[in-house]
């Protein structure tokens, strides 16, 4: 059975942070499935409208071997989102690669996925402290951090994030095409 990469979509997600990653998946012939918080059309931060194929409530986690969380320019609507937190906790069972970029590592921290994991994020130390879910000792000041099955990155490292994700999935793609 072919496994998918799940792409989480939520209001105000960052389209550009997914652009190269989606291309790497396409080049590597890795199918993706778009997962929403519900079935409503999702509008990205630049206005791109996307229709989720599944929801966090109706996706069979056995269908996906990897999951991507794009950043979001205003995530107030996701703070303490219990259903999303529960979904991410269930997805973090060691059976799949999980990638989060820019502000999205917050979603992993609120759900306990970052516990005992090295990470990076586009959020400042002050923001991380304010949110109260991050373990500062595990923060690494680096564009991309890979710790076991977890990949995190700052938003401007979206190309290297895509490469780390593609490499973790052992995809065959042409890195030179993106430089």
Protein backbone atom coordinates (compact mmCIF):
# COMPACT_ATOMS: atom_id res chain seq x y z
CA UNK A 1 0.00 0.00 0.00
CA UNK A 2 1.35 3.41 -0.99
CA UNK A 3 1.70 5.76 1.94
CA UNK A 4 1.01 9.48 1.70
CA UNK A 5 2.64 12.58 3.09
CA UNK A 6 -0.07 14.44 4.97
CA UNK A 7 -0.01 18.21 4.49
CA UNK A 8 -1.86 20.02 7.27
CA UNK A 9 -3.84 23.07 6.16
CA UNK A 10 -5.23 25.66 8.57
CA UNK A 11 -6.31 29.26 8.08
CA UNK A 12 -3.44 31.63 7.21
CA UNK A 13 -0.91 28.84 6.51
CA UNK A 14 2.21 29.97 4.67
CA UNK A 15 2.04 28.86 1.05
CA UNK A 16 5.67 29.63 0.19
CA UNK A 17 6.93 27.35 2.98
CA UNK A 18 5.24 24.45 1.19
CA UNK A 19 6.20 25.36 -2.39
CA UNK A 20 9.54 23.55 -2.69
CA UNK A 21 8.47 20.71 -0.42
CA UNK A 22 5.47 19.96 -2.64
CA UNK A 23 7.75 20.00 -5.68
CA UNK A 24 10.25 17.64 -4.01
CA UNK A 25 7.38 15.27 -3.21
CA UNK A 26 6.19 15.48 -6.83
CA UNK A 27 9.67 14.84 -8.25
CA UNK A 28 10.13 11.95 -5.83
CA UNK A 29 6.75 10.51 -6.87
CA UNK A 30 5.54 10.71 -3.29
CA UNK A 31 1.77 11.19 -3.09
CA UNK A 32 0.44 13.88 -0.77
CA UNK A 33 -2.92 14.25 0.90
CA UNK A 34 -4.19 17.59 2.19
CA UNK A 35 -5.65 17.48 5.69
CA UNK A 36 -7.77 20.24 7.19
CA UNK A 37 -9.17 20.99 10.61
CA UNK A 38 -12.54 20.54 8.89
CA UNK A 39 -13.82 20.26 5.30
CA UNK A 40 -14.02 24.03 4.75
CA UNK A 41 -11.88 25.71 2.10
CA UNK A 42 -8.71 27.02 3.74
CA UNK A 43 -7.27 30.42 2.82
CA UNK A 44 -3.49 30.77 3.09
CA UNK A 45 -1.71 33.92 4.22
CA UNK A 46 -1.26 35.08 0.60
CA UNK A 47 -4.88 34.31 -0.28
CA UNK A 48 -4.50 30.90 -1.95
CA UNK A 49 -7.68 28.87 -1.46
CA UNK A 50 -7.19 25.15 -0.77
CA UNK A 51 -9.72 22.37 -0.32
CA UNK A 52 -8.72 19.70 2.22
CA UNK A 53 -9.22 16.11 1.09
CA UNK A 54 -9.52 14.74 4.64
CA UNK A 55 -9.83 16.18 8.11
CA UNK A 56 -7.88 15.54 11.29
CA UNK A 57 -10.96 13.63 12.42
CA UNK A 58 -11.27 11.39 9.35
CA UNK A 59 -7.73 10.54 8.30
CA UNK A 60 -6.48 7.00 8.85
CA UNK A 61 -2.98 7.55 10.25
CA UNK A 62 -1.95 4.21 8.76
CA UNK A 63 -2.32 5.88 5.33
CA UNK A 64 0.47 8.39 6.02
CA UNK A 65 4.15 7.86 6.73
CA UNK A 66 4.92 11.54 7.07
CA UNK A 67 3.26 14.79 8.06
CA UNK A 68 4.06 18.45 7.29
CA UNK A 69 2.96 21.50 9.26
CA UNK A 70 3.47 24.82 7.47
CA UNK A 71 3.94 28.00 9.44
CA UNK A 72 1.14 30.45 9.96
CA UNK A 73 1.46 34.22 10.25
CA UNK A 74 -1.19 34.50 12.97
CA UNK A 75 -1.85 31.34 14.93
CA UNK A 76 -4.07 32.70 17.69
CA UNK A 77 -6.92 30.51 16.37
CA UNK A 78 -4.70 27.44 16.86
CA UNK A 79 -3.48 28.18 20.40
CA UNK A 80 -4.58 25.35 22.67
CA UNK A 81 -6.59 23.73 19.83
CA UNK A 82 -7.36 20.48 21.67
CA UNK A 83 -8.40 18.42 18.64
CA UNK A 84 -5.30 19.42 16.66
CA UNK A 85 -3.11 18.73 19.68
CA UNK A 86 -4.69 15.29 20.09
CA UNK A 87 -4.23 14.52 16.37
CA UNK A 88 -0.55 15.50 16.49
CA UNK A 89 0.00 13.44 19.63
CA UNK A 90 -1.51 10.39 17.91
CA UNK A 91 0.56 11.02 14.76
CA UNK A 92 3.74 11.09 16.84
CA UNK A 93 3.93 7.36 17.39
CA UNK A 94 7.38 6.84 15.88
CA UNK A 95 5.93 5.47 12.64
CA UNK A 96 6.17 8.68 10.61
CA UNK A 97 8.37 11.63 9.85
CA UNK A 98 6.97 14.93 11.10
CA UNK A 99 8.13 18.26 9.72
CA UNK A 100 7.22 21.71 11.02
CA UNK A 101 8.49 25.03 9.74
CA UNK A 102 8.52 28.63 10.98
CA UNK A 103 5.85 29.06 13.69
CA UNK A 104 4.48 25.50 13.29
CA UNK A 105 6.86 23.98 15.87
CA UNK A 106 4.57 25.69 18.39
CA UNK A 107 1.83 23.26 17.33
CA UNK A 108 4.21 20.41 18.08
CA UNK A 109 5.22 21.88 21.44
CA UNK A 110 1.61 22.41 22.56
CA UNK A 111 0.90 18.75 21.80
CA UNK A 112 4.00 17.36 23.53
CA UNK A 113 5.68 16.22 20.31
CA UNK A 114 8.79 18.36 20.99
CA UNK A 115 9.33 16.77 24.39
CA UNK A 116 12.97 15.66 24.65
CA UNK A 117 13.60 16.69 21.02
CA UNK A 118 16.01 19.24 19.60
CA UNK A 119 14.18 21.84 17.50
CA UNK A 120 14.32 25.22 15.84
CA UNK A 121 11.56 27.68 15.01
CA UNK A 122 10.97 31.11 13.57
CA UNK A 123 9.59 32.23 16.92
CA UNK A 124 11.81 34.44 19.06
CA UNK A 125 12.96 33.47 22.55
CA UNK A 126 10.48 35.99 23.94
CA UNK A 127 7.61 34.45 21.95
CA UNK A 128 8.61 30.92 22.98
CA UNK A 129 8.71 31.99 26.62
CA UNK A 130 5.34 33.74 26.36
CA UNK A 131 3.69 30.65 24.84
CA UNK A 132 5.03 28.54 27.71
CA UNK A 133 5.16 25.21 25.87
CA UNK A 134 8.77 25.14 24.64
CA UNK A 135 11.76 23.62 26.42
CA UNK A 136 14.41 26.27 25.83
CA UNK A 137 17.30 23.88 26.56
CA UNK A 138 16.32 21.88 23.44
CA UNK A 139 16.26 24.92 21.14
CA UNK A 140 19.00 24.94 18.48
CA UNK A 141 19.86 28.19 16.71
CA UNK A 142 20.08 26.65 13.24
CA UNK A 143 18.03 27.00 10.04
CA UNK A 144 17.03 23.30 10.03
CA UNK A 145 17.18 20.73 12.84
CA UNK A 146 16.65 17.01 12.40
CA UNK A 147 16.16 14.94 15.55
CA UNK A 148 15.19 11.34 14.83
CA UNK A 149 11.80 11.47 13.03
CA UNK A 150 11.32 15.21 13.63
CA UNK A 151 12.36 17.99 11.24
CA UNK A 152 11.98 21.66 12.19
CA UNK A 153 13.08 24.80 10.37
CA UNK A 154 12.84 28.55 10.28
CA UNK A 155 10.63 29.92 7.53
CA UNK A 156 13.41 31.34 5.37
CA UNK A 157 15.01 27.86 5.24
CA UNK A 158 12.06 26.43 3.29
CA UNK A 159 14.33 25.00 0.57
CA UNK A 160 16.63 23.20 3.01
CA UNK A 161 13.57 22.08 4.99
CA UNK A 162 12.17 20.50 1.82
CA UNK A 163 15.52 18.79 1.16
CA UNK A 164 15.74 17.42 4.72
CA UNK A 165 12.19 16.12 4.42
CA UNK A 166 12.80 14.55 0.99
CA UNK A 167 16.07 13.00 2.17
CA UNK A 168 14.37 11.57 5.27
CA UNK A 169 11.83 9.89 2.97
CA UNK A 170 14.71 8.72 0.72
CA UNK A 171 13.11 10.39 -2.30
CA UNK A 172 14.88 10.71 -5.62
CA UNK A 173 14.77 14.36 -6.67
CA UNK A 174 17.11 16.95 -8.21
CA UNK A 175 18.35 19.45 -5.61
CA UNK A 176 20.06 21.54 -8.26
CA UNK A 177 16.71 22.37 -9.79
CA UNK A 178 15.90 24.58 -6.77
CA UNK A 179 19.14 26.62 -6.58
